N, C-alpha and C. Protein backbone atom coordinates (compact mmCIF):
# COMPACT_ATOMS: atom_id res chain seq x y z
N UNK A 1 -15.83 -66.40 0.08
CA UNK A 1 -15.07 -66.19 -1.02
C UNK A 1 -13.47 -66.42 -0.55
N UNK A 2 -13.09 -67.26 -1.15
CA UNK A 2 -11.72 -67.41 -0.66
C UNK A 2 -10.84 -67.35 -2.10
N UNK A 3 -10.41 -65.91 -2.16
CA UNK A 3 -9.22 -65.59 -3.32
C UNK A 3 -7.95 -66.29 -3.11
N UNK A 4 -7.04 -66.98 -4.06
CA UNK A 4 -5.75 -67.10 -3.99
C UNK A 4 -5.22 -66.29 -4.84
N UNK A 5 -4.55 -65.10 -3.91
CA UNK A 5 -4.10 -63.81 -5.06
C UNK A 5 -2.65 -63.73 -5.09
N UNK A 6 -2.50 -64.71 -4.26
CA UNK A 6 -0.45 -64.51 -4.20
C UNK A 6 0.35 -66.13 -4.69
N UNK A 7 -0.43 -66.71 -5.58
CA UNK A 7 -0.05 -67.97 -6.08
C UNK A 7 0.27 -67.86 -7.45
N UNK A 8 0.59 -66.47 -8.07
CA UNK A 8 0.61 -66.34 -10.02
C UNK A 8 1.95 -66.24 -10.19
N UNK A 9 2.08 -66.62 -10.95
CA UNK A 9 3.46 -67.09 -12.04
C UNK A 9 3.84 -65.18 -12.86
N UNK A 10 3.04 -65.15 -13.92
CA UNK A 10 3.44 -64.18 -14.42
C UNK A 10 3.80 -62.35 -13.63
N UNK A 11 4.49 -61.45 -13.78
CA UNK A 11 4.99 -60.66 -13.53
C UNK A 11 3.64 -59.42 -13.12
N UNK A 12 2.91 -59.34 -14.63
CA UNK A 12 1.86 -58.61 -14.68
C UNK A 12 0.45 -59.23 -13.19
N UNK A 13 0.47 -60.45 -13.14
CA UNK A 13 -0.42 -60.90 -12.20
C UNK A 13 0.16 -61.23 -10.97
N UNK A 14 1.10 -61.09 -11.29
CA UNK A 14 1.36 -60.93 -9.36
C UNK A 14 1.47 -59.40 -8.78
N UNK A 15 1.89 -58.70 -9.85
CA UNK A 15 1.22 -56.79 -9.67
C UNK A 15 -0.03 -56.86 -8.95
N UNK A 16 -0.75 -57.11 -9.96
CA UNK A 16 -2.12 -57.09 -10.19
C UNK A 16 -2.83 -57.63 -8.43
N UNK A 17 -2.51 -58.85 -8.43
CA UNK A 17 -2.36 -59.53 -7.09
C UNK A 17 -1.90 -58.54 -5.72
N UNK A 18 -1.00 -58.47 -6.01
CA UNK A 18 -0.45 -57.65 -4.59
C UNK A 18 -1.67 -56.21 -4.69
N UNK A 19 -1.97 -55.62 -5.79
CA UNK A 19 -2.60 -53.60 -5.56
C UNK A 19 -4.23 -54.48 -5.44
N UNK A 20 -4.31 -55.69 -5.56
CA UNK A 20 -5.45 -56.44 -5.13
C UNK A 20 -5.68 -56.94 -3.49
N UNK A 21 -4.66 -57.11 -2.98
CA UNK A 21 -4.67 -57.62 -1.36
C UNK A 21 -4.16 -55.98 -0.59
N UNK A 22 -3.86 -55.39 -1.03
CA UNK A 22 -3.80 -53.81 -0.67
C UNK A 22 -5.09 -53.43 -0.36
N UNK A 23 -5.70 -53.44 -1.71
CA UNK A 23 -7.15 -52.71 -1.52
C UNK A 23 -8.06 -53.24 -0.60
N UNK A 24 -8.23 -54.98 -0.48
CA UNK A 24 -8.92 -55.75 0.05
C UNK A 24 -8.60 -55.24 1.52
N UNK A 25 -7.39 -55.30 1.74
CA UNK A 25 -7.01 -55.09 2.97
C UNK A 25 -7.17 -53.67 3.82
N UNK A 26 -6.74 -52.76 2.60
CA UNK A 26 -7.54 -51.44 3.18
C UNK A 26 -9.14 -51.12 3.42
N UNK A 27 -9.95 -52.31 2.74
CA UNK A 27 -11.31 -51.81 2.97
C UNK A 27 -11.91 -51.45 4.41
N UNK A 28 -12.37 -50.23 4.82
CA UNK A 28 -12.63 -50.25 6.52
C UNK A 28 -13.42 -51.10 6.94
N UNK A 29 -13.41 -51.33 8.23
CA UNK A 29 -14.11 -52.48 8.66
C UNK A 29 -14.64 -51.75 10.19
N UNK A 30 -16.07 -52.36 10.21
CA UNK A 30 -16.52 -51.77 11.45
C UNK A 30 -17.19 -52.64 12.26
N UNK A 31 -16.75 -52.40 13.41
CA UNK A 31 -17.71 -53.30 14.76
C UNK A 31 -18.49 -52.76 15.58
N UNK A 32 -19.53 -53.92 15.24
CA UNK A 32 -21.15 -53.54 15.91
C UNK A 32 -20.70 -53.65 16.98
N UNK A 33 -21.34 -52.24 18.03
CA UNK A 33 -21.26 -52.18 19.33
C UNK A 33 -22.21 -52.24 20.01
N UNK A 34 -23.69 -52.30 18.95
CA UNK A 34 -24.86 -51.61 19.79
C UNK A 34 -25.69 -51.55 18.84
N UNK A 35 -27.17 -52.11 19.00
CA UNK A 35 -28.16 -51.84 18.17
C UNK A 35 -29.12 -50.46 19.29
N UNK A 36 -29.58 -49.52 18.60
CA UNK A 36 -30.44 -48.62 18.58
C UNK A 36 -31.41 -48.34 18.43
N UNK A 37 -32.26 -48.57 18.65
CA UNK A 37 -33.61 -48.38 17.04
C UNK A 37 -33.49 -49.46 15.99
N UNK A 38 -33.46 -48.21 14.89
CA UNK A 38 -33.14 -48.94 13.44
C UNK A 38 -31.89 -48.92 13.09
N UNK A 39 -30.61 -48.45 14.00
CA UNK A 39 -29.74 -48.04 13.80
C UNK A 39 -28.55 -48.85 14.72
N UNK A 40 -27.54 -49.75 13.72
CA UNK A 40 -26.74 -50.43 14.54
C UNK A 40 -25.38 -49.26 14.55
N UNK A 41 -24.72 -49.18 15.93
CA UNK A 41 -23.74 -47.96 16.18
C UNK A 41 -22.48 -49.04 16.24
N UNK A 42 -21.81 -48.44 15.29
CA UNK A 42 -20.21 -49.30 15.07
C UNK A 42 -19.47 -48.54 15.05
N UNK A 43 -18.00 -49.59 15.42
CA UNK A 43 -17.07 -48.65 15.42
C UNK A 43 -16.08 -48.80 14.57
N UNK A 44 -15.44 -47.78 13.85
CA UNK A 44 -14.56 -47.58 12.49
C UNK A 44 -13.27 -48.51 13.43
N UNK A 45 -12.81 -49.59 12.60
CA UNK A 45 -11.38 -50.09 13.70
C UNK A 45 -10.36 -49.21 13.47
N UNK A 46 -10.48 -48.84 12.16
CA UNK A 46 -8.80 -48.10 11.44
C UNK A 46 -9.15 -46.57 12.52
N UNK A 47 -10.29 -45.91 12.60
CA UNK A 47 -10.55 -44.59 13.08
C UNK A 47 -10.59 -44.45 14.66
N UNK A 48 -11.27 -45.66 15.18
CA UNK A 48 -11.85 -45.25 15.95
C UNK A 48 -13.24 -44.50 16.48
N UNK A 49 -13.80 -44.15 15.04
CA UNK A 49 -14.94 -43.10 15.21
C UNK A 49 -15.90 -44.17 15.01
N UNK A 50 -17.23 -43.16 15.69
CA UNK A 50 -18.35 -43.95 15.89
C UNK A 50 -19.84 -43.27 14.89
N UNK A 51 -20.09 -44.77 14.07
CA UNK A 51 -20.98 -44.46 13.23
C UNK A 51 -22.30 -45.31 13.39
N UNK A 52 -23.08 -44.43 13.22
CA UNK A 52 -24.37 -45.05 12.61
C UNK A 52 -24.72 -45.59 11.35
N UNK A 53 -24.93 -46.90 11.57
CA UNK A 53 -25.66 -47.72 10.48
C UNK A 53 -26.84 -48.18 10.50
N UNK A 54 -27.28 -47.74 9.32
CA UNK A 54 -28.92 -48.03 9.61
C UNK A 54 -29.33 -49.93 9.01
N UNK A 55 -30.11 -50.58 10.38
CA UNK A 55 -30.48 -51.55 9.78
C UNK A 55 -30.51 -52.64 8.60
N UNK A 56 -31.31 -51.59 7.67
CA UNK A 56 -31.82 -52.58 6.50
C UNK A 56 -30.32 -51.98 5.77
N UNK A 57 -29.20 -51.55 6.21
CA UNK A 57 -28.04 -51.67 5.21
C UNK A 57 -27.27 -52.73 5.64
N UNK A 58 -27.13 -53.74 6.57
CA UNK A 58 -26.26 -54.87 6.92
C UNK A 58 -27.08 -55.73 7.01
N UNK A 59 -26.69 -57.13 7.74
CA UNK A 59 -27.05 -58.33 7.16
C UNK A 59 -28.15 -58.27 7.89
N UNK A 60 -29.27 -59.14 8.07
CA UNK A 60 -30.32 -59.44 8.73
C UNK A 60 -30.04 -60.61 10.39
N UNK A 61 -28.66 -60.92 10.18
CA UNK A 61 -28.32 -61.97 11.22
C UNK A 61 -27.07 -61.28 12.13
N UNK A 62 -26.68 -59.61 12.00
CA UNK A 62 -25.86 -59.08 12.24
C UNK A 62 -25.99 -58.68 13.93
N UNK A 63 -24.88 -59.06 14.68
CA UNK A 63 -24.68 -59.17 16.17
C UNK A 63 -23.84 -58.67 16.47
N UNK A 64 -24.34 -57.84 17.80
CA UNK A 64 -23.23 -57.32 18.31
C UNK A 64 -21.81 -57.94 18.46
N UNK A 65 -20.83 -57.27 18.19
CA UNK A 65 -19.46 -57.99 18.10
C UNK A 65 -19.21 -58.71 16.41
N UNK A 66 -20.15 -58.46 15.58
CA UNK A 66 -19.35 -58.50 14.38
C UNK A 66 -19.08 -57.38 13.82
N UNK A 67 -17.74 -57.83 12.46
CA UNK A 67 -17.30 -56.95 11.93
C UNK A 67 -17.80 -57.00 10.68
N UNK A 68 -18.23 -55.75 9.99
CA UNK A 68 -18.57 -55.45 8.83
C UNK A 68 -17.97 -54.76 7.99
N UNK A 69 -17.48 -55.09 6.88
CA UNK A 69 -16.89 -54.42 6.25
C UNK A 69 -17.87 -54.14 4.45
N UNK A 70 -17.26 -53.37 3.80
CA UNK A 70 -18.12 -52.71 2.82
C UNK A 70 -17.40 -53.77 1.55
N UNK A 71 -18.58 -54.69 0.84
CA UNK A 71 -17.90 -55.20 -0.10
C UNK A 71 -18.70 -54.74 -1.85
N UNK A 72 -18.30 -54.31 -2.68
CA UNK A 72 -19.19 -53.54 -4.30
C UNK A 72 -20.33 -52.89 -3.27
N UNK A 73 -19.94 -52.11 -2.28
CA UNK A 73 -20.88 -51.21 -1.64
C UNK A 73 -22.29 -51.76 -1.24
N UNK A 74 -22.00 -52.57 -0.66
CA UNK A 74 -22.81 -53.70 0.34
C UNK A 74 -21.86 -53.97 1.78
N UNK A 75 -22.50 -53.60 3.22
CA UNK A 75 -21.96 -54.42 4.18
C UNK A 75 -22.00 -55.37 4.38
N UNK A 76 -21.38 -56.34 4.18
CA UNK A 76 -21.65 -57.85 4.30
C UNK A 76 -20.67 -58.18 6.14
N UNK A 77 -20.95 -59.28 6.30
CA UNK A 77 -20.19 -59.46 7.96
C UNK A 77 -18.85 -60.24 7.13
N UNK A 78 -17.56 -59.87 8.16
CA UNK A 78 -16.34 -60.52 7.56
C UNK A 78 -16.19 -61.34 9.07
N UNK A 79 -16.60 -62.35 8.15
CA UNK A 79 -16.63 -63.92 9.45
C UNK A 79 -15.10 -64.34 10.09
N UNK A 80 -13.97 -64.14 9.18
CA UNK A 80 -12.70 -64.22 9.15
C UNK A 80 -12.11 -63.41 10.29
N UNK A 81 -12.43 -61.84 10.48
CA UNK A 81 -11.98 -61.21 11.15
C UNK A 81 -12.97 -60.81 12.39
N UNK A 82 -14.10 -60.88 12.49
CA UNK A 82 -14.96 -61.76 13.75
C UNK A 82 -14.39 -63.04 14.50
N UNK A 83 -14.41 -63.66 14.33
CA UNK A 83 -13.89 -64.95 14.31
C UNK A 83 -12.30 -64.58 15.28
N UNK A 84 -11.66 -63.77 14.80
CA UNK A 84 -10.44 -63.60 15.13
C UNK A 84 -10.52 -62.94 16.36
N UNK A 85 -11.25 -62.17 16.38
CA UNK A 85 -11.33 -61.15 17.54
C UNK A 85 -11.89 -61.85 18.08
N UNK A 86 -12.79 -62.16 18.59
CA UNK A 86 -13.60 -63.36 19.45
C UNK A 86 -12.95 -64.21 20.18
N UNK A 87 -12.10 -65.01 19.23
CA UNK A 87 -10.92 -66.06 20.10
C UNK A 87 -10.11 -65.42 20.80
N UNK A 88 -9.34 -63.78 20.17
CA UNK A 88 -8.92 -63.03 21.30
C UNK A 88 -9.05 -62.84 22.44
N UNK A 89 -10.70 -62.26 22.11
CA UNK A 89 -11.09 -62.02 23.10
C UNK A 89 -11.07 -62.65 24.13
N UNK A 90 -11.55 -64.44 24.28
CA UNK A 90 -11.64 -65.03 25.07
C UNK A 90 -10.52 -65.27 25.81
N UNK A 91 -9.04 -65.76 25.02
CA UNK A 91 -8.00 -65.67 25.12
C UNK A 91 -7.71 -64.36 26.41
N UNK A 92 -7.94 -63.37 26.08
CA UNK A 92 -7.46 -62.37 26.81
C UNK A 92 -8.12 -62.52 28.52
N UNK A 93 -9.97 -62.87 28.52
CA UNK A 93 -10.71 -63.40 29.52
C UNK A 93 -10.19 -64.49 30.30
N UNK A 94 -9.61 -65.34 29.71
CA UNK A 94 -9.14 -66.83 30.34
C UNK A 94 -7.52 -66.52 30.69
N UNK A 95 -7.08 -65.64 29.85
CA UNK A 95 -5.75 -65.18 30.95
C UNK A 95 -5.71 -64.37 32.09
N UNK A 96 -7.06 -63.79 32.41
CA UNK A 96 -7.10 -62.86 33.50
C UNK A 96 -7.70 -63.32 34.61
N UNK A 97 -8.43 -64.30 34.37
CA UNK A 97 -9.05 -65.45 35.74
C UNK A 97 -8.26 -66.92 35.70
N UNK A 98 -6.77 -66.71 34.94
CA UNK A 98 -5.81 -67.68 35.34
C UNK A 98 -4.84 -66.51 36.21
N UNK A 99 -4.52 -65.57 35.79
CA UNK A 99 -3.82 -64.68 36.61
C UNK A 99 -4.58 -64.77 38.64
N UNK A 100 -6.02 -64.42 38.79
CA UNK A 100 -6.28 -64.29 39.92
C UNK A 100 -6.05 -65.80 40.64
N UNK A 101 -6.15 -67.02 39.94
CA UNK A 101 -5.98 -68.22 40.62
C UNK A 101 -4.70 -68.44 41.17
């Protein structure tokens, strides 16, 4: 879902939009490190703390490296952050190989 929360004209809406954006950005994000049995072992992206999330609580198509976020009490894959992080990792790996040549 794409929310355009920055293009409001009234002060009330603008203030609400800023608070909503802050709240969305503060939502904890978790990187799936690996799966062990019925649990996804995840790293809290803010605190680096490792937590276990039961696989029944995450989307079925979740895989290692996906970034999860809580939306209304439900874990969902944050596709934008996942893609951004994967692109950054690809760039780092590519730059490592370029330096060695």
